[in-house]
Amino acid sequence: MPGISSSSSVLTNGCRLILNYFSGSPNILFTCCFKI
């Protein structure tokens, strides 16, 4: 079933992990934010 997308975001230790699933294609985006 094309057109189904699921997004999940988790924030831990100033790091944000975003999982994106679109059309059965797993896309992992990892971003870290540090305060200076």
C-alpha atoms as a PDB file:
ATOM      1  CA  MET A   1       0.000   0.000   0.000  1.00  0.00           C
ATOM      2  CA  PRO A   2       1.891   3.050  -1.265  1.00  0.00           C
ATOM      3  CA  GLY A   3       1.265   6.343   0.487  1.00  0.00           C
ATOM      4  CA  ILE A   4       1.617   4.984   4.002  1.00  0.00           C
ATOM      5  CA  SER A   5       4.165   6.864   6.070  1.00  0.00           C
ATOM      6  CA  SER A   6       5.159   6.468   9.705  1.00  0.00           C
ATOM      7  CA  SER A   7       7.371   8.876  11.619  1.00  0.00           C
ATOM      8  CA  SER A   8       8.849   8.436  15.077  1.00  0.00           C
ATOM      9  CA  SER A   9      11.075  10.887  16.930  1.00  0.00           C
ATOM     10  CA  VAL A  10      12.976  10.246  20.141  1.00  0.00           C
ATOM     11  CA  LEU A  11      14.910  12.827  22.114  1.00  0.00           C
ATOM     12  CA  THR A  12      17.642  11.537  24.440  1.00  0.00           C
ATOM     13  CA  ASN A  13      20.842  13.103  25.800  1.00  0.00           C
ATOM     14  CA  GLY A  14      20.362  16.091  23.496  1.00  0.00           C
ATOM     15  CA  CYS A  15      20.252  13.716  20.548  1.00  0.00           C
ATOM     16  CA  ARG A  16      17.252  13.357  18.295  1.00  0.00           C
ATOM     17  CA  LEU A  17      16.613  10.149  16.381  1.00  0.00           C
ATOM     18  CA  ILE A  18      14.082  10.306  13.589  1.00  0.00           C
ATOM     19  CA  LEU A  19      12.816   7.197  11.870  1.00  0.00           C
ATOM     20  CA  ASN A  20      10.922   7.669   8.643  1.00  0.00           C
ATOM     21  CA  TYR A  21       9.173   4.865   6.831  1.00  0.00           C
ATOM     22  CA  PHE A  22       7.705   5.706   3.443  1.00  0.00           C
ATOM     23  CA  SER A  23       6.421   3.235   0.862  1.00  0.00           C
ATOM     24  CA  GLY A  24       8.220   0.453   2.730  1.00  0.00           C
ATOM     25  CA  SER A  25      11.540   2.259   2.406  1.00  0.00           C
ATOM     26  CA  PRO A  26      13.344   2.649   5.738  1.00  0.00           C
ATOM     27  CA  ASN A  27      15.025   6.037   6.177  1.00  0.00           C
ATOM     28  CA  ILE A  28      16.978   6.745   9.333  1.00  0.00           C
ATOM     29  CA  LEU A  29      17.901  10.311  10.156  1.00  0.00           C
ATOM     30  CA  PHE A  30      20.124  10.902  13.189  1.00  0.00           C
ATOM     31  CA  THR A  31      20.822  14.394  14.438  1.00  0.00           C
ATOM     32  CA  CYS A  32      22.679  15.519  17.553  1.00  0.00           C
ATOM     33  CA  CYS A  33      22.267  18.933  19.124  1.00  0.00           C
ATOM     34  CA  PHE A  34      24.851  20.198  21.577  1.00  0.00           C
ATOM     35  CA  LYS A  35      24.563  23.361  23.651  1.00  0.00           C
ATOM     36  CA  ILE A  36      27.680  25.509  23.615  1.00  0.00           C
END
